[in-house]
């Protein structure tokens, strides 16, 4: 069964290429049946397999292909012969900044990213991990994982995971975090896995 269809809602690029907004035909990952996605030129731009999805006003066209568990978000644009698979840009996998730009639609300022994390609030300015109540996050402080898994090919392992605001569906609070590019272990499946982050504060 196909997981999405092209709708009549369309936009035309300056190049004359017409893109169509997609609509989910079934539930998968954090996408629900009936949810509207971003814009693609044709079905060959987005796989019907896996949990790959194009969100918001993101655009995919040409021979570009989004597959696996990759997410294209925000106002990101994927075109040409790009291949986005499991949250990375395969043609430029060694360039972490390009991976993050395509996956999370985020660019660094002075080599630092501002991203988000779901947590449980303990009290004002203090939060705990959704999976380990002893691991704390405090406003203005650095949270660091001892002995994180440094394998760049592994998405879900020890480390601190951060992503865009709409990624999270657990916990009772979202916090903003500053991440230095040197502390990023990997960028996969719509999120970063990091050695440490600096907590900015609660998102209200």
C-alpha atoms as a PDB file:
ATOM      1  CA  UNK A   1       0.000   0.000   0.000  1.00  0.00           C
ATOM      2  CA  UNK A   2       1.240   3.462  -0.848  1.00  0.00           C
ATOM      3  CA  UNK A   3       1.904   5.654   2.162  1.00  0.00           C
ATOM      4  CA  UNK A   4       1.132   8.994   0.479  1.00  0.00           C
ATOM      5  CA  UNK A   5      -0.429  10.603  -2.568  1.00  0.00           C
ATOM      6  CA  UNK A   6       0.182  13.777  -4.528  1.00  0.00           C
ATOM      7  CA  UNK A   7      -2.528  16.381  -3.952  1.00  0.00           C
ATOM      8  CA  UNK A   8      -3.787  19.175  -6.181  1.00  0.00           C
ATOM      9  CA  UNK A   9      -2.059  21.709  -3.920  1.00  0.00           C
ATOM     10  CA  UNK A  10       0.964  22.705  -5.992  1.00  0.00           C
ATOM     11  CA  UNK A  11       3.670  25.309  -6.434  1.00  0.00           C
ATOM     12  CA  UNK A  12       5.721  26.224  -9.481  1.00  0.00           C
ATOM     13  CA  UNK A  13       9.426  26.958  -9.102  1.00  0.00           C
ATOM     14  CA  UNK A  14      11.204  29.741 -10.985  1.00  0.00           C
ATOM     15  CA  UNK A  15      12.623  27.032 -13.227  1.00  0.00           C
ATOM     16  CA  UNK A  16       9.091  26.108 -14.269  1.00  0.00           C
ATOM     17  CA  UNK A  17       9.083  22.774 -12.388  1.00  0.00           C
ATOM     18  CA  UNK A  18       5.767  22.020 -10.699  1.00  0.00           C
ATOM     19  CA  UNK A  19       5.775  20.453  -7.224  1.00  0.00           C
ATOM     20  CA  UNK A  20       2.821  18.850  -5.452  1.00  0.00           C
ATOM     21  CA  UNK A  21       2.073  18.724  -1.736  1.00  0.00           C
ATOM     22  CA  UNK A  22       1.856  15.192  -0.376  1.00  0.00           C
ATOM     23  CA  UNK A  23      -0.775  13.665   1.912  1.00  0.00           C
ATOM     24  CA  UNK A  24      -0.265  10.608   4.134  1.00  0.00           C
ATOM     25  CA  UNK A  25      -2.496   7.614   3.363  1.00  0.00           C
ATOM     26  CA  UNK A  26      -1.617   5.688   6.540  1.00  0.00           C
ATOM     27  CA  UNK A  27       0.021   6.046   9.950  1.00  0.00           C
ATOM     28  CA  UNK A  28       3.804   5.566  10.216  1.00  0.00           C
ATOM     29  CA  UNK A  29       6.478   6.913  12.551  1.00  0.00           C
ATOM     30  CA  UNK A  30       5.114  10.248  13.858  1.00  0.00           C
ATOM     31  CA  UNK A  31       3.048  10.812  10.695  1.00  0.00           C
ATOM     32  CA  UNK A  32      -0.692  10.190  10.903  1.00  0.00           C
ATOM     33  CA  UNK A  33      -3.099   9.281   8.103  1.00  0.00           C
ATOM     34  CA  UNK A  34      -4.333  12.493   6.546  1.00  0.00           C
ATOM     35  CA  UNK A  35      -1.302  14.586   7.543  1.00  0.00           C
ATOM     36  CA  UNK A  36      -0.095  16.987   4.867  1.00  0.00           C
ATOM     37  CA  UNK A  37       3.593  16.946   4.017  1.00  0.00           C
ATOM     38  CA  UNK A  38       5.917  19.066   1.918  1.00  0.00           C
ATOM     39  CA  UNK A  39       6.269  19.258  -1.857  1.00  0.00           C
ATOM     40  CA  UNK A  40       7.697  16.777  -4.352  1.00  0.00           C
ATOM     41  CA  UNK A  41       7.811  16.757  -8.128  1.00  0.00           C
ATOM     42  CA  UNK A  42       6.964  13.078  -8.608  1.00  0.00           C
ATOM     43  CA  UNK A  43       6.619   9.824  -6.684  1.00  0.00           C
ATOM     44  CA  UNK A  44      10.156   8.787  -7.554  1.00  0.00           C
ATOM     45  CA  UNK A  45      11.355  11.613  -5.257  1.00  0.00           C
ATOM     46  CA  UNK A  46      10.030   9.932  -2.084  1.00  0.00           C
ATOM     47  CA  UNK A  47      10.003   6.231  -1.283  1.00  0.00           C
ATOM     48  CA  UNK A  48       6.775   4.527  -0.229  1.00  0.00           C
ATOM     49  CA  UNK A  49       8.891   2.188   1.922  1.00  0.00           C
ATOM     50  CA  UNK A  50      10.252   2.926   5.406  1.00  0.00           C
ATOM     51  CA  UNK A  51       9.403   6.099   7.322  1.00  0.00           C
ATOM     52  CA  UNK A  52      10.963   8.635   4.953  1.00  0.00           C
ATOM     53  CA  UNK A  53       8.916  11.831   4.796  1.00  0.00           C
ATOM     54  CA  UNK A  54       9.008  15.401   3.526  1.00  0.00           C
ATOM     55  CA  UNK A  55       7.691  17.912   6.082  1.00  0.00           C
ATOM     56  CA  UNK A  56       6.421  21.485   6.124  1.00  0.00           C
ATOM     57  CA  UNK A  57       7.437  23.535   3.094  1.00  0.00           C
ATOM     58  CA  UNK A  58      10.416  21.351   2.205  1.00  0.00           C
ATOM     59  CA  UNK A  59      10.871  20.633  -1.493  1.00  0.00           C
ATOM     60  CA  UNK A  60      12.281  17.633  -3.368  1.00  0.00           C
ATOM     61  CA  UNK A  61      12.611  17.569  -7.142  1.00  0.00           C
ATOM     62  CA  UNK A  62      14.653  16.471 -10.137  1.00  0.00           C
ATOM     63  CA  UNK A  63      16.303  13.087  -9.676  1.00  0.00           C
ATOM     64  CA  UNK A  64      16.610  13.548  -5.904  1.00  0.00           C
ATOM     65  CA  UNK A  65      15.386  10.610  -3.821  1.00  0.00           C
ATOM     66  CA  UNK A  66      14.437  10.500  -0.146  1.00  0.00           C
ATOM     67  CA  UNK A  67      14.256   7.000   1.323  1.00  0.00           C
ATOM     68  CA  UNK A  68      14.832   4.787   4.363  1.00  0.00           C
ATOM     69  CA  UNK A  69      14.058   6.719   7.554  1.00  0.00           C
ATOM     70  CA  UNK A  70      15.237  10.106   6.270  1.00  0.00           C
ATOM     71  CA  UNK A  71      13.276  13.271   6.977  1.00  0.00           C
ATOM     72  CA  UNK A  72      13.467  16.469   4.958  1.00  0.00           C
ATOM     73  CA  UNK A  73      12.124  19.338   7.068  1.00  0.00           C
ATOM     74  CA  UNK A  74      11.429  23.051   7.334  1.00  0.00           C
ATOM     75  CA  UNK A  75      12.268  24.956   4.174  1.00  0.00           C
ATOM     76  CA  UNK A  76      14.950  22.513   3.019  1.00  0.00           C
ATOM     77  CA  UNK A  77      15.369  21.925  -0.705  1.00  0.00           C
ATOM     78  CA  UNK A  78      16.743  18.696  -2.144  1.00  0.00           C
ATOM     79  CA  UNK A  79      17.343  18.561  -5.873  1.00  0.00           C
ATOM     80  CA  UNK A  80      19.633  17.324  -8.639  1.00  0.00           C
ATOM     81  CA  UNK A  81      20.968  13.825  -8.006  1.00  0.00           C
ATOM     82  CA  UNK A  82      20.990  14.016  -4.196  1.00  0.00           C
ATOM     83  CA  UNK A  83      20.165  10.855  -2.261  1.00  0.00           C
ATOM     84  CA  UNK A  84      18.870  11.261   1.292  1.00  0.00           C
ATOM     85  CA  UNK A  85      18.817   7.939   3.154  1.00  0.00           C
ATOM     86  CA  UNK A  86      18.409   7.367   6.903  1.00  0.00           C
ATOM     87  CA  UNK A  87      18.828  11.058   7.594  1.00  0.00           C
ATOM     88  CA  UNK A  88      22.075  11.660   5.699  1.00  0.00           C
ATOM     89  CA  UNK A  89      23.017  13.032   2.309  1.00  0.00           C
ATOM     90  CA  UNK A  90      24.707   9.987   0.786  1.00  0.00           C
ATOM     91  CA  UNK A  91      26.609  11.833  -1.921  1.00  0.00           C
ATOM     92  CA  UNK A  92      28.374  13.951   0.740  1.00  0.00           C
ATOM     93  CA  UNK A  93      28.235  11.760   3.836  1.00  0.00           C
ATOM     94  CA  UNK A  94      31.644  12.943   5.096  1.00  0.00           C
ATOM     95  CA  UNK A  95      30.501  16.555   5.407  1.00  0.00           C
ATOM     96  CA  UNK A  96      28.606  16.731   8.710  1.00  0.00           C
ATOM     97  CA  UNK A  97      27.451  20.325   8.107  1.00  0.00           C
ATOM     98  CA  UNK A  98      25.765  19.353   4.837  1.00  0.00           C
ATOM     99  CA  UNK A  99      24.165  16.330   6.496  1.00  0.00           C
ATOM    100  CA  UNK A 100      22.716  18.510   9.241  1.00  0.00           C
ATOM    101  CA  UNK A 101      21.587  21.181   6.782  1.00  0.00           C
ATOM    102  CA  UNK A 102      19.642  18.649   4.708  1.00  0.00           C
ATOM    103  CA  UNK A 103      18.379  16.541   7.608  1.00  0.00           C
ATOM    104  CA  UNK A 104      17.435  19.244  10.113  1.00  0.00           C
ATOM    105  CA  UNK A 105      17.365  22.392   7.971  1.00  0.00           C
ATOM    106  CA  UNK A 106      19.797  23.922  10.447  1.00  0.00           C
ATOM    107  CA  UNK A 107      22.964  25.953   9.962  1.00  0.00           C
ATOM    108  CA  UNK A 108      25.614  26.660  12.604  1.00  0.00           C
ATOM    109  CA  UNK A 109      26.589  30.021  14.067  1.00  0.00           C
ATOM    110  CA  UNK A 110      30.270  30.003  15.027  1.00  0.00           C
ATOM    111  CA  UNK A 111      30.175  26.187  14.662  1.00  0.00           C
ATOM    112  CA  UNK A 112      27.323  25.865  17.162  1.00  0.00           C
ATOM    113  CA  UNK A 113      23.772  24.661  16.543  1.00  0.00           C
ATOM    114  CA  UNK A 114      20.604  25.462  18.477  1.00  0.00           C
ATOM    115  CA  UNK A 115      18.396  22.353  18.587  1.00  0.00           C
ATOM    116  CA  UNK A 116      15.826  20.813  20.890  1.00  0.00           C
ATOM    117  CA  UNK A 117      15.229  17.889  23.229  1.00  0.00           C
ATOM    118  CA  UNK A 118      12.244  16.338  24.990  1.00  0.00           C
ATOM    119  CA  UNK A 119      12.641  15.929  28.768  1.00  0.00           C
ATOM    120  CA  UNK A 120      10.603  15.725  31.961  1.00  0.00           C
ATOM    121  CA  UNK A 121      10.551  18.847  34.125  1.00  0.00           C
ATOM    122  CA  UNK A 122      11.534  18.377  37.787  1.00  0.00           C
ATOM    123  CA  UNK A 123      11.370  22.007  38.843  1.00  0.00           C
ATOM    124  CA  UNK A 124      12.142  25.400  37.347  1.00  0.00           C
ATOM    125  CA  UNK A 125      15.337  25.169  35.319  1.00  0.00           C
ATOM    126  CA  UNK A 126      15.948  21.479  36.099  1.00  0.00           C
ATOM    127  CA  UNK A 127      14.894  18.548  33.902  1.00  0.00           C
ATOM    128  CA  UNK A 128      15.618  14.831  33.618  1.00  0.00           C
ATOM    129  CA  UNK A 129      16.019  12.441  30.721  1.00  0.00           C
ATOM    130  CA  UNK A 130      12.876  10.615  29.596  1.00  0.00           C
ATOM    131  CA  UNK A 131      14.820   7.345  29.870  1.00  0.00           C
ATOM    132  CA  UNK A 132      17.117   7.935  32.851  1.00  0.00           C
ATOM    133  CA  UNK A 133      15.723   9.986  35.739  1.00  0.00           C
ATOM    134  CA  UNK A 134      19.207  10.373  37.217  1.00  0.00           C
ATOM    135  CA  UNK A 135      20.540  12.166  34.116  1.00  0.00           C
ATOM    136  CA  UNK A 136      19.820  15.866  34.573  1.00  0.00           C
ATOM    137  CA  UNK A 137      19.687  18.954  32.402  1.00  0.00           C
ATOM    138  CA  UNK A 138      19.983  22.388  34.050  1.00  0.00           C
ATOM    139  CA  UNK A 139      19.461  25.799  32.483  1.00  0.00           C
ATOM    140  CA  UNK A 140      22.781  27.404  31.558  1.00  0.00           C
ATOM    141  CA  UNK A 141      24.770  24.257  32.378  1.00  0.00           C
ATOM    142  CA  UNK A 142      26.509  21.627  30.268  1.00  0.00           C
ATOM    143  CA  UNK A 143      25.126  18.092  30.308  1.00  0.00           C
ATOM    144  CA  UNK A 144      27.707  15.476  29.337  1.00  0.00           C
ATOM    145  CA  UNK A 145      27.519  11.724  28.768  1.00  0.00           C
ATOM    146  CA  UNK A 146      30.344   9.623  30.194  1.00  0.00           C
ATOM    147  CA  UNK A 147      31.810   7.200  27.650  1.00  0.00           C
ATOM    148  CA  UNK A 148      29.313   7.793  24.792  1.00  0.00           C
ATOM    149  CA  UNK A 149      29.265   5.407  21.838  1.00  0.00           C
ATOM    150  CA  UNK A 150      31.505   7.106  19.233  1.00  0.00           C
ATOM    151  CA  UNK A 151      30.452   4.837  16.343  1.00  0.00           C
ATOM    152  CA  UNK A 152      29.245   7.278  13.664  1.00  0.00           C
ATOM    153  CA  UNK A 153      27.265   4.549  11.881  1.00  0.00           C
ATOM    154  CA  UNK A 154      24.955   3.987  14.868  1.00  0.00           C
ATOM    155  CA  UNK A 155      21.970   6.295  15.331  1.00  0.00           C
ATOM    156  CA  UNK A 156      20.370   5.090  18.561  1.00  0.00           C
ATOM    157  CA  UNK A 157      23.018   4.524  21.210  1.00  0.00           C
ATOM    158  CA  UNK A 158      24.567   6.273  24.220  1.00  0.00           C
ATOM    159  CA  UNK A 159      24.788  10.029  23.866  1.00  0.00           C
ATOM    160  CA  UNK A 160      22.453  13.023  23.968  1.00  0.00           C
ATOM    161  CA  UNK A 161      19.909  13.169  21.158  1.00  0.00           C
ATOM    162  CA  UNK A 162      18.675  16.526  19.855  1.00  0.00           C
ATOM    163  CA  UNK A 163      16.553  17.440  16.854  1.00  0.00           C
ATOM    164  CA  UNK A 164      14.014  19.952  15.536  1.00  0.00           C
ATOM    165  CA  UNK A 165      10.959  20.918  17.577  1.00  0.00           C
ATOM    166  CA  UNK A 166       8.454  18.662  15.788  1.00  0.00           C
ATOM    167  CA  UNK A 167      10.570  15.517  16.152  1.00  0.00           C
ATOM    168  CA  UNK A 168       9.636  14.824  19.769  1.00  0.00           C
ATOM    169  CA  UNK A 169       6.440  13.163  21.037  1.00  0.00           C
ATOM    170  CA  UNK A 170       7.424  12.181  24.582  1.00  0.00           C
ATOM    171  CA  UNK A 171       8.215  13.868  27.890  1.00  0.00           C
ATOM    172  CA  UNK A 172       6.379  16.926  29.231  1.00  0.00           C
ATOM    173  CA  UNK A 173       8.835  19.687  28.310  1.00  0.00           C
ATOM    174  CA  UNK A 174      10.994  20.747  25.377  1.00  0.00           C
ATOM    175  CA  UNK A 175      14.339  22.412  26.060  1.00  0.00           C
ATOM    176  CA  UNK A 176      16.600  24.299  23.676  1.00  0.00           C
ATOM    177  CA  UNK A 177      20.229  23.190  23.602  1.00  0.00           C
ATOM    178  CA  UNK A 178      23.437  24.598  22.143  1.00  0.00           C
ATOM    179  CA  UNK A 179      25.618  21.978  20.475  1.00  0.00           C
ATOM    180  CA  UNK A 180      29.197  22.556  19.363  1.00  0.00           C
ATOM    181  CA  UNK A 181      29.964  20.800  16.077  1.00  0.00           C
ATOM    182  CA  UNK A 182      33.006  19.112  17.642  1.00  0.00           C
ATOM    183  CA  UNK A 183      30.684  17.361  20.128  1.00  0.00           C
ATOM    184  CA  UNK A 184      28.431  15.816  17.456  1.00  0.00           C
ATOM    185  CA  UNK A 185      28.935  12.081  17.053  1.00  0.00           C
ATOM    186  CA  UNK A 186      26.544  11.452  14.171  1.00  0.00           C
ATOM    187  CA  UNK A 187      23.569  12.805  12.239  1.00  0.00           C
ATOM    188  CA  UNK A 188      21.039  10.123  11.370  1.00  0.00           C
ATOM    189  CA  UNK A 189      17.288   9.426  11.311  1.00  0.00           C
ATOM    190  CA  UNK A 190      16.299  13.040  11.814  1.00  0.00           C
ATOM    191  CA  UNK A 191      18.438  13.758  14.874  1.00  0.00           C
ATOM    192  CA  UNK A 192      21.948  14.369  16.189  1.00  0.00           C
ATOM    193  CA  UNK A 193      23.648  12.154  18.766  1.00  0.00           C
ATOM    194  CA  UNK A 194      26.125  14.194  20.803  1.00  0.00           C
ATOM    195  CA  UNK A 195      28.750  13.910  23.541  1.00  0.00           C
ATOM    196  CA  UNK A 196      27.434  16.945  25.407  1.00  0.00           C
ATOM    197  CA  UNK A 197      25.128  19.948  25.106  1.00  0.00           C
ATOM    198  CA  UNK A 198      24.649  23.267  26.853  1.00  0.00           C
ATOM    199  CA  UNK A 199      21.085  23.788  28.035  1.00  0.00           C
ATOM    200  CA  UNK A 200      19.632  27.163  27.044  1.00  0.00           C
ATOM    201  CA  UNK A 201      16.256  26.719  28.675  1.00  0.00           C
ATOM    202  CA  UNK A 202      12.648  25.627  28.407  1.00  0.00           C
ATOM    203  CA  UNK A 203      10.692  26.302  25.229  1.00  0.00           C
ATOM    204  CA  UNK A 204       7.316  27.852  26.074  1.00  0.00           C
END
